[in-house]
Amino acid sequence: MEKIYTKNTPNAIGPYSQAVKVNGLVFTSGQIAINPVTGNVEADTIEGQTEQVCTNLKNLLEASGSSLEKAVKTVCFLADMNDFSSFNEIYGKYFTEKPARSCVAVKTLPKNVLVEVEVIAEI
């Protein structure tokens, strides 16, 4: 197992790796809308946060030797299922190969963000 770290994705906010590679796959930790340069959540809309999350995932997958196009599964967490349509619109611009996906509403996300997404991708 190889641990992945890139400065182009926010630092882990707990005892975990940004991503790990094993057996030809990369598993990302859930990414939230933290700007890796400032360390802050800078967007307060589902659209802005989804853009930041997808950018973070793109950067993390590229650092892992993969890409969004190689994603095979995503797990998406929304703080409010009423944001589903707006989330889908932005998500669809990034995940054009349409990987398998789960999307659930949760009570609360870290730093009170609106969305979190994790990815499994081929290398």
PDB file of N, CA and C in Angstrom:
ATOM      1  N   MET A   1       0.853  -1.180   0.000  1.00  0.00           N
ATOM      2  CA  MET A   1       0.000   0.000   0.000  1.00  0.00           C
ATOM      3  C   MET A   1       0.896   1.240   0.000  1.00  0.00           C
ATOM      4  N   GLU A   2       0.573   2.171  -0.890  1.00  0.00           N
ATOM      5  CA  GLU A   2       1.326   3.423  -0.988  1.00  0.00           C
ATOM      6  C   GLU A   2       0.425   4.586  -0.584  1.00  0.00           C
ATOM      7  N   LYS A   3       0.888   5.389   0.355  1.00  0.00           N
ATOM      8  CA  LYS A   3       0.134   6.569   0.770  1.00  0.00           C
ATOM      9  C   LYS A   3       0.410   7.712  -0.200  1.00  0.00           C
ATOM     10  N   ILE A   4      -0.624   8.481  -0.524  1.00  0.00           N
ATOM     11  CA  ILE A   4      -0.513   9.588  -1.462  1.00  0.00           C
ATOM     12  C   ILE A   4      -0.665  10.898  -0.704  1.00  0.00           C
ATOM     13  N   TYR A   5       0.202  11.850  -1.047  1.00  0.00           N
ATOM     14  CA  TYR A   5       0.092  13.200  -0.500  1.00  0.00           C
ATOM     15  C   TYR A   5       0.380  14.197  -1.613  1.00  0.00           C
ATOM     16  N   THR A   6      -0.423  15.251  -1.706  1.00  0.00           N
ATOM     17  CA  THR A   6      -0.148  16.358  -2.611  1.00  0.00           C
ATOM     18  C   THR A   6      -0.528  17.663  -1.933  1.00  0.00           C
ATOM     19  N   LYS A   7       0.261  18.688  -2.174  1.00  0.00           N
ATOM     20  CA  LYS A   7      -0.061  20.014  -1.620  1.00  0.00           C
ATOM     21  C   LYS A   7      -1.213  20.666  -2.380  1.00  0.00           C
ATOM     22  N   ASN A   8      -1.639  20.068  -3.502  1.00  0.00           N
ATOM     23  CA  ASN A   8      -2.730  20.612  -4.303  1.00  0.00           C
ATOM     24  C   ASN A   8      -4.105  20.151  -3.835  1.00  0.00           C
ATOM     25  N   THR A   9      -4.118  19.438  -2.732  1.00  0.00           N
ATOM     26  CA  THR A   9      -5.345  18.975  -2.086  1.00  0.00           C
ATOM     27  C   THR A   9      -5.196  19.314  -0.602  1.00  0.00           C
ATOM     28  N   PRO A  10      -6.283  19.646   0.075  1.00  0.00           N
ATOM     29  CA  PRO A  10      -6.165  20.006   1.497  1.00  0.00           C
ATOM     30  C   PRO A  10      -5.497  18.911   2.327  1.00  0.00           C
ATOM     31  N   ASN A  11      -4.761  19.329   3.326  1.00  0.00           N
ATOM     32  CA  ASN A  11      -4.175  18.374   4.264  1.00  0.00           C
ATOM     33  C   ASN A  11      -5.294  17.622   4.975  1.00  0.00           C
ATOM     34  N   ALA A  12      -5.005  16.388   5.341  1.00  0.00           N
ATOM     35  CA  ALA A  12      -5.958  15.616   6.129  1.00  0.00           C
ATOM     36  C   ALA A  12      -6.210  16.348   7.445  1.00  0.00           C
ATOM     37  N   ILE A  13      -7.463  16.370   7.877  1.00  0.00           N
ATOM     38  CA  ILE A  13      -7.807  17.045   9.134  1.00  0.00           C
ATOM     39  C   ILE A  13      -7.964  16.042  10.280  1.00  0.00           C
ATOM     40  N   GLY A  14      -7.408  14.867  10.083  1.00  0.00           N
ATOM     41  CA  GLY A  14      -7.464  13.823  11.091  1.00  0.00           C
ATOM     42  C   GLY A  14      -6.389  12.789  10.815  1.00  0.00           C
ATOM     43  N   PRO A  15      -6.422  11.664  11.528  1.00  0.00           N
ATOM     44  CA  PRO A  15      -5.404  10.622  11.374  1.00  0.00           C
ATOM     45  C   PRO A  15      -5.698   9.698  10.189  1.00  0.00           C
ATOM     46  N   TYR A  16      -5.565  10.237   8.978  1.00  0.00           N
ATOM     47  CA  TYR A  16      -5.798   9.465   7.761  1.00  0.00           C
ATOM     48  C   TYR A  16      -4.974  10.040   6.625  1.00  0.00           C
ATOM     49  N   SER A  17      -4.870   9.287   5.541  1.00  0.00           N
ATOM     50  CA  SER A  17      -4.135   9.713   4.353  1.00  0.00           C
ATOM     51  C   SER A  17      -5.084  10.374   3.368  1.00  0.00           C
ATOM     52  N   GLN A  18      -4.550  11.273   2.517  1.00  0.00           N
ATOM     53  CA  GLN A  18      -5.374  11.869   1.463  1.00  0.00           C
ATOM     54  C   GLN A  18      -5.900  10.780   0.543  1.00  0.00           C
ATOM     55  N   ALA A  19      -5.043   9.804   0.233  1.00  0.00           N
ATOM     56  CA  ALA A  19      -5.422   8.673  -0.607  1.00  0.00           C
ATOM     57  C   ALA A  19      -4.404   7.559  -0.408  1.00  0.00           C
ATOM     58  N   VAL A  20      -4.775   6.351  -0.821  1.00  0.00           N
ATOM     59  CA  VAL A  20      -3.845   5.229  -0.838  1.00  0.00           C
ATOM     60  C   VAL A  20      -4.013   4.476  -2.151  1.00  0.00           C
ATOM     61  N   LYS A  21      -2.880   3.930  -2.613  1.00  0.00           N
ATOM     62  CA  LYS A  21      -2.888   3.095  -3.819  1.00  0.00           C
ATOM     63  C   LYS A  21      -2.606   1.660  -3.409  1.00  0.00           C
ATOM     64  N   VAL A  22      -3.394   0.742  -3.979  1.00  0.00           N
ATOM     65  CA  VAL A  22      -3.196  -0.677  -3.714  1.00  0.00           C
ATOM     66  C   VAL A  22      -3.803  -1.481  -4.863  1.00  0.00           C
ATOM     67  N   ASN A  23      -3.073  -2.477  -5.336  1.00  0.00           N
ATOM     68  CA  ASN A  23      -3.564  -3.406  -6.367  1.00  0.00           C
ATOM     69  C   ASN A  23      -4.186  -2.718  -7.578  1.00  0.00           C
ATOM     70  N   GLY A  24      -3.541  -1.673  -8.079  1.00  0.00           N
ATOM     71  CA  GLY A  24      -4.014  -1.019  -9.301  1.00  0.00           C
ATOM     72  C   GLY A  24      -5.177  -0.064  -9.116  1.00  0.00           C
ATOM     73  N   LEU A  25      -5.524   0.206  -7.866  1.00  0.00           N
ATOM     74  CA  LEU A  25      -6.621   1.137  -7.574  1.00  0.00           C
ATOM     75  C   LEU A  25      -6.133   2.234  -6.636  1.00  0.00           C
ATOM     76  N   VAL A  26      -6.777   3.377  -6.710  1.00  0.00           N
ATOM     77  CA  VAL A  26      -6.542   4.447  -5.747  1.00  0.00           C
ATOM     78  C   VAL A  26      -7.853   4.698  -5.014  1.00  0.00           C
ATOM     79  N   PHE A  27      -7.765   4.805  -3.703  1.00  0.00           N
ATOM     80  CA  PHE A  27      -8.902   5.068  -2.829  1.00  0.00           C
ATOM     81  C   PHE A  27      -8.678   6.431  -2.198  1.00  0.00           C
ATOM     82  N   THR A  28      -9.526   7.396  -2.497  1.00  0.00           N
ATOM     83  CA  THR A  28      -9.363   8.708  -1.879  1.00  0.00           C
ATOM     84  C   THR A  28     -10.143   8.764  -0.585  1.00  0.00           C
ATOM     85  N   SER A  29      -9.652   9.557   0.329  1.00  0.00           N
ATOM     86  CA  SER A  29     -10.461   9.908   1.489  1.00  0.00           C
ATOM     87  C   SER A  29     -11.518  10.892   1.014  1.00  0.00           C
ATOM     88  N   GLY A  30     -12.567  11.038   1.779  1.00  0.00           N
ATOM     89  CA  GLY A  30     -13.595  12.008   1.421  1.00  0.00           C
ATOM     90  C   GLY A  30     -13.009  13.403   1.341  1.00  0.00           C
ATOM     91  N   GLN A  31     -13.332  14.113   0.278  1.00  0.00           N
ATOM     92  CA  GLN A  31     -12.850  15.478   0.094  1.00  0.00           C
ATOM     93  C   GLN A  31     -13.994  16.449   0.348  1.00  0.00           C
ATOM     94  N   ILE A  32     -13.670  17.481   1.118  1.00  0.00           N
ATOM     95  CA  ILE A  32     -14.641  18.539   1.358  1.00  0.00           C
ATOM     96  C   ILE A  32     -14.131  19.814   0.707  1.00  0.00           C
ATOM     97  N   ALA A  33     -14.906  20.865   0.778  1.00  0.00           N
ATOM     98  CA  ALA A  33     -14.638  22.093   0.011  1.00  0.00           C
ATOM     99  C   ALA A  33     -13.618  23.010   0.672  1.00  0.00           C
ATOM    100  N   ILE A  34     -12.490  22.452   1.066  1.00  0.00           N
ATOM    101  CA  ILE A  34     -11.411  23.273   1.617  1.00  0.00           C
ATOM    102  C   ILE A  34     -10.480  23.660   0.478  1.00  0.00           C
ATOM    103  N   ASN A  35     -10.172  24.934   0.383  1.00  0.00           N
ATOM    104  CA  ASN A  35      -9.202  25.420  -0.590  1.00  0.00           C
ATOM    105  C   ASN A  35      -7.818  25.033  -0.075  1.00  0.00           C
ATOM    106  N   PRO A  36      -7.023  24.269  -0.861  1.00  0.00           N
ATOM    107  CA  PRO A  36      -5.726  23.821  -0.351  1.00  0.00           C
ATOM    108  C   PRO A  36      -4.721  24.950  -0.131  1.00  0.00           C
ATOM    109  N   VAL A  37      -4.904  26.087  -0.773  1.00  0.00           N
ATOM    110  CA  VAL A  37      -3.982  27.218  -0.615  1.00  0.00           C
ATOM    111  C   VAL A  37      -4.251  27.955   0.698  1.00  0.00           C
ATOM    112  N   THR A  38      -5.526  28.234   0.969  1.00  0.00           N
ATOM    113  CA  THR A  38      -5.877  29.013   2.160  1.00  0.00           C
ATOM    114  C   THR A  38      -6.194  28.150   3.375  1.00  0.00           C
ATOM    115  N   GLY A  39      -6.602  26.895   3.132  1.00  0.00           N
ATOM    116  CA  GLY A  39      -7.009  26.028   4.229  1.00  0.00           C
ATOM    117  C   GLY A  39      -8.405  26.324   4.743  1.00  0.00           C
ATOM    118  N   ASN A  40      -9.144  27.162   4.004  1.00  0.00           N
ATOM    119  CA  ASN A  40     -10.488  27.565   4.434  1.00  0.00           C
ATOM    120  C   ASN A  40     -11.566  27.023   3.500  1.00  0.00           C
ATOM    121  N   VAL A  41     -12.770  26.901   4.043  1.00  0.00           N
ATOM    122  CA  VAL A  41     -13.955  26.662   3.221  1.00  0.00           C
ATOM    123  C   VAL A  41     -14.386  28.038   2.740  1.00  0.00           C
ATOM    124  N   GLU A  42     -14.254  28.286   1.446  1.00  0.00           N
ATOM    125  CA  GLU A  42     -14.473  29.637   0.947  1.00  0.00           C
ATOM    126  C   GLU A  42     -15.803  29.828   0.223  1.00  0.00           C
ATOM    127  N   ALA A  43     -16.436  28.750  -0.165  1.00  0.00           N
ATOM    128  CA  ALA A  43     -17.726  28.855  -0.854  1.00  0.00           C
ATOM    129  C   ALA A  43     -18.837  28.509   0.127  1.00  0.00           C
ATOM    130  N   ASP A  44     -19.963  29.190   0.010  1.00  0.00           N
ATOM    131  CA  ASP A  44     -21.077  28.892   0.908  1.00  0.00           C
ATOM    132  C   ASP A  44     -22.291  28.349   0.170  1.00  0.00           C
ATOM    133  N   THR A  45     -22.138  28.043  -1.127  1.00  0.00           N
ATOM    134  CA  THR A  45     -23.231  27.457  -1.910  1.00  0.00           C
ATOM    135  C   THR A  45     -22.873  26.026  -2.279  1.00  0.00           C
ATOM    136  N   ILE A  46     -23.861  25.216  -2.561  1.00  0.00           N
ATOM    137  CA  ILE A  46     -23.602  23.839  -2.978  1.00  0.00           C
ATOM    138  C   ILE A  46     -22.823  23.823  -4.289  1.00  0.00           C
ATOM    139  N   GLU A  47     -23.099  24.755  -5.179  1.00  0.00           N
ATOM    140  CA  GLU A  47     -22.388  24.801  -6.460  1.00  0.00           C
ATOM    141  C   GLU A  47     -20.903  25.106  -6.240  1.00  0.00           C
ATOM    142  N   GLY A  48     -20.608  26.124  -5.456  1.00  0.00           N
ATOM    143  CA  GLY A  48     -19.224  26.500  -5.198  1.00  0.00           C
ATOM    144  C   GLY A  48     -18.466  25.416  -4.452  1.00  0.00           C
ATOM    145  N   GLN A  49     -19.125  24.805  -3.475  1.00  0.00           N
ATOM    146  CA  GLN A  49     -18.464  23.744  -2.725  1.00  0.00           C
ATOM    147  C   GLN A  49     -18.246  22.508  -3.584  1.00  0.00           C
ATOM    148  N   THR A  50     -19.203  22.173  -4.440  1.00  0.00           N
ATOM    149  CA  THR A  50     -19.040  21.014  -5.317  1.00  0.00           C
ATOM    150  C   THR A  50     -17.887  21.239  -6.290  1.00  0.00           C
ATOM    151  N   GLU A  51     -17.756  22.443  -6.826  1.00  0.00           N
ATOM    152  CA  GLU A  51     -16.623  22.780  -7.701  1.00  0.00           C
ATOM    153  C   GLU A  51     -15.305  22.550  -6.965  1.00  0.00           C
ATOM    154  N   GLN A  52     -15.192  23.027  -5.723  1.00  0.00           N
ATOM    155  CA  GLN A  52     -13.951  22.870  -4.967  1.00  0.00           C
ATOM    156  C   GLN A  52     -13.679  21.410  -4.662  1.00  0.00           C
ATOM    157  N   VAL A  53     -14.698  20.660  -4.277  1.00  0.00           N
ATOM    158  CA  VAL A  53     -14.534  19.233  -3.990  1.00  0.00           C
ATOM    159  C   VAL A  53     -14.038  18.503  -5.234  1.00  0.00           C
ATOM    160  N   CYS A  54     -14.652  18.762  -6.374  1.00  0.00           N
ATOM    161  CA  CYS A  54     -14.262  18.078  -7.612  1.00  0.00           C
ATOM    162  C   CYS A  54     -12.854  18.472  -8.039  1.00  0.00           C
ATOM    163  N   THR A  55     -12.483  19.718  -7.841  1.00  0.00           N
ATOM    164  CA  THR A  55     -11.118  20.160  -8.138  1.00  0.00           C
ATOM    165  C   THR A  55     -10.125  19.454  -7.223  1.00  0.00           C
ATOM    166  N   ASN A  56     -10.448  19.361  -5.941  1.00  0.00           N
ATOM    167  CA  ASN A  56      -9.583  18.651  -5.000  1.00  0.00           C
ATOM    168  C   ASN A  56      -9.410  17.192  -5.413  1.00  0.00           C
ATOM    169  N   LEU A  57     -10.507  16.546  -5.795  1.00  0.00           N
ATOM    170  CA  LEU A  57     -10.432  15.145  -6.223  1.00  0.00           C
ATOM    171  C   LEU A  57      -9.618  14.997  -7.504  1.00  0.00           C
ATOM    172  N   LYS A  58      -9.800  15.893  -8.440  1.00  0.00           N
ATOM    173  CA  LYS A  58      -9.029  15.874  -9.692  1.00  0.00           C
ATOM    174  C   LYS A  58      -7.541  15.955  -9.379  1.00  0.00           C
ATOM    175  N   ASN A  59      -7.152  16.900  -8.536  1.00  0.00           N
ATOM    176  CA  ASN A  59      -5.747  17.062  -8.166  1.00  0.00           C
ATOM    177  C   ASN A  59      -5.201  15.834  -7.439  1.00  0.00           C
ATOM    178  N   LEU A  60      -5.988  15.274  -6.553  1.00  0.00           N
ATOM    179  CA  LEU A  60      -5.557  14.109  -5.784  1.00  0.00           C
ATOM    180  C   LEU A  60      -5.396  12.889  -6.683  1.00  0.00           C
ATOM    181  N   LEU A  61      -6.349  12.672  -7.578  1.00  0.00           N
ATOM    182  CA  LEU A  61      -6.236  11.531  -8.491  1.00  0.00           C
ATOM    183  C   LEU A  61      -5.042  11.686  -9.419  1.00  0.00           C
ATOM    184  N   GLU A  62      -4.812  12.888  -9.919  1.00  0.00           N
ATOM    185  CA  GLU A  62      -3.658  13.112 -10.789  1.00  0.00           C
ATOM    186  C   GLU A  62      -2.352  12.852 -10.045  1.00  0.00           C
ATOM    187  N   ALA A  63      -2.271  13.265  -8.776  1.00  0.00           N
ATOM    188  CA  ALA A  63      -1.078  13.004  -7.972  1.00  0.00           C
ATOM    189  C   ALA A  63      -0.885  11.507  -7.731  1.00  0.00           C
ATOM    190  N   SER A  64      -1.967  10.753  -7.848  1.00  0.00           N
ATOM    191  CA  SER A  64      -1.930   9.305  -7.651  1.00  0.00           C
ATOM    192  C   SER A  64      -1.628   8.544  -8.938  1.00  0.00           C
ATOM    193  N   GLY A  65      -1.522   9.275 -10.055  1.00  0.00           N
ATOM    194  CA  GLY A  65      -1.305   8.629 -11.346  1.00  0.00           C
ATOM    195  C   GLY A  65      -2.599   8.181 -11.996  1.00  0.00           C
ATOM    196  N   SER A  66      -3.699   8.764 -11.582  1.00  0.00           N
ATOM    197  CA  SER A  66      -5.014   8.414 -12.117  1.00  0.00           C
ATOM    198  C   SER A  66      -5.692   9.686 -12.623  1.00  0.00           C
ATOM    199  N   SER A  67      -7.004   9.626 -12.783  1.00  0.00           N
ATOM    200  CA  SER A  67      -7.766  10.787 -13.247  1.00  0.00           C
ATOM    201  C   SER A  67      -9.242  10.580 -12.943  1.00  0.00           C
ATOM    202  N   LEU A  68     -10.002  11.643 -13.078  1.00  0.00           N
ATOM    203  CA  LEU A  68     -11.457  11.547 -12.899  1.00  0.00           C
ATOM    204  C   LEU A  68     -12.067  10.576 -13.906  1.00  0.00           C
ATOM    205  N   GLU A  69     -11.491  10.511 -15.107  1.00  0.00           N
ATOM    206  CA  GLU A  69     -12.010   9.615 -16.145  1.00  0.00           C
ATOM    207  C   GLU A  69     -11.835   8.143 -15.788  1.00  0.00           C
ATOM    208  N   LYS A  70     -10.938   7.849 -14.872  1.00  0.00           N
ATOM    209  CA  LYS A  70     -10.685   6.463 -14.465  1.00  0.00           C
ATOM    210  C   LYS A  70     -11.450   6.085 -13.196  1.00  0.00           C
ATOM    211  N   ALA A  71     -12.291   6.975 -12.708  1.00  0.00           N
ATOM    212  CA  ALA A  71     -13.090   6.681 -11.514  1.00  0.00           C
ATOM    213  C   ALA A  71     -14.052   5.539 -11.806  1.00  0.00           C
ATOM    214  N   VAL A  72     -14.121   4.575 -10.898  1.00  0.00           N
ATOM    215  CA  VAL A  72     -15.050   3.464 -11.045  1.00  0.00           C
ATOM    216  C   VAL A  72     -16.207   3.545 -10.052  1.00  0.00           C
ATOM    217  N   LYS A  73     -16.010   4.279  -8.954  1.00  0.00           N
ATOM    218  CA  LYS A  73     -17.048   4.393  -7.922  1.00  0.00           C
ATOM    219  C   LYS A  73     -16.852   5.682  -7.146  1.00  0.00           C
ATOM    220  N   THR A  74     -17.941   6.384  -6.893  1.00  0.00           N
ATOM    221  CA  THR A  74     -17.907   7.532  -5.997  1.00  0.00           C
ATOM    222  C   THR A  74     -18.952   7.336  -4.913  1.00  0.00           C
ATOM    223  N   VAL A  75     -18.673   7.913  -3.764  1.00  0.00           N
ATOM    224  CA  VAL A  75     -19.642   7.962  -2.679  1.00  0.00           C
ATOM    225  C   VAL A  75     -19.781   9.437  -2.317  1.00  0.00           C
ATOM    226  N   CYS A  76     -21.011   9.922  -2.387  1.00  0.00           N
ATOM    227  CA  CYS A  76     -21.293  11.346  -2.216  1.00  0.00           C
ATOM    228  C   CYS A  76     -22.186  11.548  -0.996  1.00  0.00           C
ATOM    229  N   PHE A  77     -21.834  12.528  -0.200  1.00  0.00           N
ATOM    230  CA  PHE A  77     -22.578  12.850   1.006  1.00  0.00           C
ATOM    231  C   PHE A  77     -23.061  14.293   0.902  1.00  0.00           C
ATOM    232  N   LEU A  78     -24.351  14.502   1.057  1.00  0.00           N
ATOM    233  CA  LEU A  78     -24.928  15.848   1.025  1.00  0.00           C
ATOM    234  C   LEU A  78     -25.531  16.169   2.382  1.00  0.00           C
ATOM    235  N   ALA A  79     -25.358  17.401   2.815  1.00  0.00           N
ATOM    236  CA  ALA A  79     -25.964  17.836   4.067  1.00  0.00           C
ATOM    237  C   ALA A  79     -27.468  18.038   3.905  1.00  0.00           C
ATOM    238  N   ASP A  80     -27.903  18.254   2.668  1.00  0.00           N
ATOM    239  CA  ASP A  80     -29.324  18.503   2.397  1.00  0.00           C
ATOM    240  C   ASP A  80     -29.668  17.916   1.031  1.00  0.00           C
ATOM    241  N   MET A  81     -30.553  16.931   0.994  1.00  0.00           N
ATOM    242  CA  MET A  81     -30.920  16.285  -0.260  1.00  0.00           C
ATOM    243  C   MET A  81     -31.637  17.245  -1.211  1.00  0.00           C
ATOM    244  N   ASN A  82     -32.097  18.377  -0.720  1.00  0.00           N
ATOM    245  CA  ASN A  82     -32.666  19.388  -1.612  1.00  0.00           C
ATOM    246  C   ASN A  82     -31.605  19.971  -2.546  1.00  0.00           C
ATOM    247  N   ASP A  83     -30.318  19.768  -2.235  1.00  0.00           N
ATOM    248  CA  ASP A  83     -29.220  20.230  -3.085  1.00  0.00           C
ATOM    249  C   ASP A  83     -28.847  19.225  -4.171  1.00  0.00           C
ATOM    250  N   PHE A  84     -29.546  18.094  -4.231  1.00  0.00           N
ATOM    251  CA  PHE A  84     -29.193  17.000  -5.139  1.00  0.00           C
ATOM    252  C   PHE A  84     -29.088  17.456  -6.595  1.00  0.00           C
ATOM    253  N   SER A  85     -30.050  18.178  -7.083  1.00  0.00           N
ATOM    254  CA  SER A  85     -30.062  18.611  -8.484  1.00  0.00           C
ATOM    255  C   SER A  85     -28.891  19.545  -8.793  1.00  0.00           C
ATOM    256  N   SER A  86     -28.658  20.518  -7.939  1.00  0.00           N
ATOM    257  CA  SER A  86     -27.543  21.451  -8.143  1.00  0.00           C
ATOM    258  C   SER A  86     -26.205  20.722  -8.053  1.00  0.00           C
ATOM    259  N   PHE A  87     -26.088  19.794  -7.097  1.00  0.00           N
ATOM    260  CA  PHE A  87     -24.879  18.986  -6.963  1.00  0.00           C
ATOM    261  C   PHE A  87     -24.643  18.181  -8.235  1.00  0.00           C
ATOM    262  N   ASN A  88     -25.686  17.516  -8.731  1.00  0.00           N
ATOM    263  CA  ASN A  88     -25.572  16.683  -9.936  1.00  0.00           C
ATOM    264  C   ASN A  88     -25.080  17.473 -11.137  1.00  0.00           C
ATOM    265  N   GLU A  89     -25.557  18.696 -11.280  1.00  0.00           N
ATOM    266  CA  GLU A  89     -25.170  19.520 -12.424  1.00  0.00           C
ATOM    267  C   GLU A  89     -23.657  19.757 -12.444  1.00  0.00           C
ATOM    268  N   ILE A  90     -23.077  20.097 -11.316  1.00  0.00           N
ATOM    269  CA  ILE A  90     -21.632  20.343 -11.247  1.00  0.00           C
ATOM    270  C   ILE A  90     -20.870  19.024 -11.317  1.00  0.00           C
ATOM    271  N   TYR A  91     -21.288  18.033 -10.554  1.00  0.00           N
ATOM    272  CA  TYR A  91     -20.646  16.717 -10.533  1.00  0.00           C
ATOM    273  C   TYR A  91     -20.535  16.150 -11.946  1.00  0.00           C
ATOM    274  N   GLY A  92     -21.599  16.266 -12.727  1.00  0.00           N
ATOM    275  CA  GLY A  92     -21.633  15.718 -14.085  1.00  0.00           C
ATOM    276  C   GLY A  92     -20.626  16.345 -15.030  1.00  0.00           C
ATOM    277  N   LYS A  93     -20.209  17.578 -14.760  1.00  0.00           N
ATOM    278  CA  LYS A  93     -19.184  18.228 -15.593  1.00  0.00           C
ATOM    279  C   LYS A  93     -17.808  17.617 -15.347  1.00  0.00           C
ATOM    280  N   TYR A  94     -17.599  17.060 -14.179  1.00  0.00           N
ATOM    281  CA  TYR A  94     -16.302  16.480 -13.822  1.00  0.00           C
ATOM    282  C   TYR A  94     -16.246  14.976 -14.058  1.00  0.00           C
ATOM    283  N   PHE A  95     -17.293  14.270 -13.709  1.00  0.00           N
ATOM    284  CA  PHE A  95     -17.313  12.810 -13.830  1.00  0.00           C
ATOM    285  C   PHE A  95     -18.063  12.411 -15.094  1.00  0.00           C
ATOM    286  N   THR A  96     -17.436  12.687 -16.232  1.00  0.00           N
ATOM    287  CA  THR A  96     -18.081  12.493 -17.536  1.00  0.00           C
ATOM    288  C   THR A  96     -18.209  11.024 -17.919  1.00  0.00           C
ATOM    289  N   GLU A  97     -17.413  10.143 -17.318  1.00  0.00           N
ATOM    290  CA  GLU A  97     -17.485   8.714 -17.643  1.00  0.00           C
ATOM    291  C   GLU A  97     -18.560   7.995 -16.832  1.00  0.00           C
ATOM    292  N   LYS A  98     -19.239   8.715 -15.968  1.00  0.00           N
ATOM    293  CA  LYS A  98     -20.363   8.199 -15.176  1.00  0.00           C
ATOM    294  C   LYS A  98     -20.022   6.921 -14.397  1.00  0.00           C
ATOM    295  N   PRO A  99     -19.129   7.046 -13.399  1.00  0.00           N
ATOM    296  CA  PRO A  99     -18.818   5.876 -12.570  1.00  0.00           C
ATOM    297  C   PRO A  99     -20.028   5.470 -11.730  1.00  0.00           C
ATOM    298  N   ALA A 100     -19.970   4.266 -11.168  1.00  0.00           N
ATOM    299  CA  ALA A 100     -20.997   3.849 -10.216  1.00  0.00           C
ATOM    300  C   ALA A 100     -20.971   4.856  -9.062  1.00  0.00           C
ATOM    301  N   ARG A 101     -22.134   5.069  -8.438  1.00  0.00           N
ATOM    302  CA  ARG A 101     -22.198   6.112  -7.412  1.00  0.00           C
ATOM    303  C   ARG A 101     -23.265   5.810  -6.385  1.00  0.00           C
ATOM    304  N   SER A 102     -22.970   6.199  -5.153  1.00  0.00           N
ATOM    305  CA  SER A 102     -23.959   6.273  -4.086  1.00  0.00           C
ATOM    306  C   SER A 102     -24.017   7.721  -3.660  1.00  0.00           C
ATOM    307  N   CYS A 103     -25.214   8.195  -3.312  1.00  0.00           N
ATOM    308  CA  CYS A 103     -25.372   9.570  -2.851  1.00  0.00           C
ATOM    309  C   CYS A 103     -26.403   9.568  -1.730  1.00  0.00           C
ATOM    310  N   VAL A 104     -25.962  10.006  -0.564  1.00  0.00           N
ATOM    311  CA  VAL A 104     -26.838   9.985   0.600  1.00  0.00           C
ATOM    312  C   VAL A 104     -26.821  11.332   1.309  1.00  0.00           C
ATOM    313  N   ALA A 105     -27.882  11.605   2.026  1.00  0.00           N
ATOM    314  CA  ALA A 105     -27.927  12.794   2.884  1.00  0.00           C
ATOM    315  C   ALA A 105     -27.472  12.375   4.272  1.00  0.00           C
ATOM    316  N   VAL A 106     -26.705  13.248   4.896  1.00  0.00           N
ATOM    317  CA  VAL A 106     -26.209  12.996   6.240  1.00  0.00           C
ATOM    318  C   VAL A 106     -26.555  14.182   7.130  1.00  0.00           C
ATOM    319  N   LYS A 107     -26.526  13.955   8.417  1.00  0.00           N
ATOM    320  CA  LYS A 107     -26.908  15.011   9.347  1.00  0.00           C
ATOM    321  C   LYS A 107     -25.921  16.168   9.340  1.00  0.00           C
ATOM    322  N   THR A 108     -24.630  15.861   9.431  1.00  0.00           N
ATOM    323  CA  THR A 108     -23.595  16.889   9.507  1.00  0.00           C
ATOM    324  C   THR A 108     -22.323  16.372   8.857  1.00  0.00           C
ATOM    325  N   LEU A 109     -21.594  17.274   8.206  1.00  0.00           N
ATOM    326  CA  LEU A 109     -20.301  16.946   7.609  1.00  0.00           C
ATOM    327  C   LEU A 109     -19.207  17.759   8.303  1.00  0.00           C
ATOM    328  N   PRO A 110     -17.934  17.314   8.201  1.00  0.00           N
ATOM    329  CA  PRO A 110     -16.850  18.069   8.839  1.00  0.00           C
ATOM    330  C   PRO A 110     -16.848  19.532   8.416  1.00  0.00           C
ATOM    331  N   LYS A 111     -16.551  20.382   9.356  1.00  0.00           N
ATOM    332  CA  LYS A 111     -16.493  21.831   9.141  1.00  0.00           C
ATOM    333  C   LYS A 111     -17.817  22.401   8.633  1.00  0.00           C
ATOM    334  N   ASN A 112     -18.911  21.661   8.856  1.00  0.00           N
ATOM    335  CA  ASN A 112     -20.261  22.068   8.452  1.00  0.00           C
ATOM    336  C   ASN A 112     -20.384  22.378   6.963  1.00  0.00           C
ATOM    337  N   VAL A 113     -19.613  21.655   6.131  1.00  0.00           N
ATOM    338  CA  VAL A 113     -19.721  21.837   4.683  1.00  0.00           C
ATOM    339  C   VAL A 113     -21.016  21.209   4.182  1.00  0.00           C
ATOM    340  N   LEU A 114     -21.317  21.470   2.929  1.00  0.00           N
ATOM    341  CA  LEU A 114     -22.558  20.997   2.317  1.00  0.00           C
ATOM    342  C   LEU A 114     -22.395  19.683   1.568  1.00  0.00           C
ATOM    343  N   VAL A 115     -21.139  19.325   1.220  1.00  0.00           N
ATOM    344  CA  VAL A 115     -20.903  18.141   0.389  1.00  0.00           C
ATOM    345  C   VAL A 115     -19.540  17.536   0.692  1.00  0.00           C
ATOM    346  N   GLU A 116     -19.470  16.216   0.580  1.00  0.00           N
ATOM    347  CA  GLU A 116     -18.213  15.470   0.665  1.00  0.00           C
ATOM    348  C   GLU A 116     -18.292  14.336  -0.348  1.00  0.00           C
ATOM    349  N   VAL A 117     -17.177  14.066  -1.036  1.00  0.00           N
ATOM    350  CA  VAL A 117     -17.138  13.007  -2.046  1.00  0.00           C
ATOM    351  C   VAL A 117     -15.845  12.229  -1.901  1.00  0.00           C
ATOM    352  N   GLU A 118     -15.960  10.902  -2.001  1.00  0.00           N
ATOM    353  CA  GLU A 118     -14.784  10.033  -2.049  1.00  0.00           C
ATOM    354  C   GLU A 118     -14.830   9.229  -3.346  1.00  0.00           C
ATOM    355  N   VAL A 119     -13.662   8.782  -3.807  1.00  0.00           N
ATOM    356  CA  VAL A 119     -13.558   8.116  -5.115  1.00  0.00           C
ATOM    357  C   VAL A 119     -12.681   6.879  -5.022  1.00  0.00           C
ATOM    358  N   ILE A 120     -13.050   5.882  -5.784  1.00  0.00           N
ATOM    359  CA  ILE A 120     -12.182   4.738  -6.080  1.00  0.00           C
ATOM    360  C   ILE A 120     -11.941   4.800  -7.585  1.00  0.00           C
ATOM    361  N   ALA A 121     -10.664   4.754  -7.991  1.00  0.00           N
ATOM    362  CA  ALA A 121     -10.335   4.861  -9.403  1.00  0.00           C
ATOM    363  C   ALA A 121      -9.227   3.876  -9.781  1.00  0.00           C
ATOM    364  N   GLU A 122      -9.199   3.536 -11.057  1.00  0.00           N
ATOM    365  CA  GLU A 122      -8.100   2.741 -11.592  1.00  0.00           C
ATOM    366  C   GLU A 122      -6.873   3.628 -11.744  1.00  0.00           C
ATOM    367  N   ILE A 123      -5.717   3.018 -11.667  1.00  0.00           N
ATOM    368  CA  ILE A 123      -4.478   3.773 -11.867  1.00  0.00           C
ATOM    369  C   ILE A 123      -4.079   3.634 -13.331  1.00  0.00           C
TER     370      ILE A 123
END
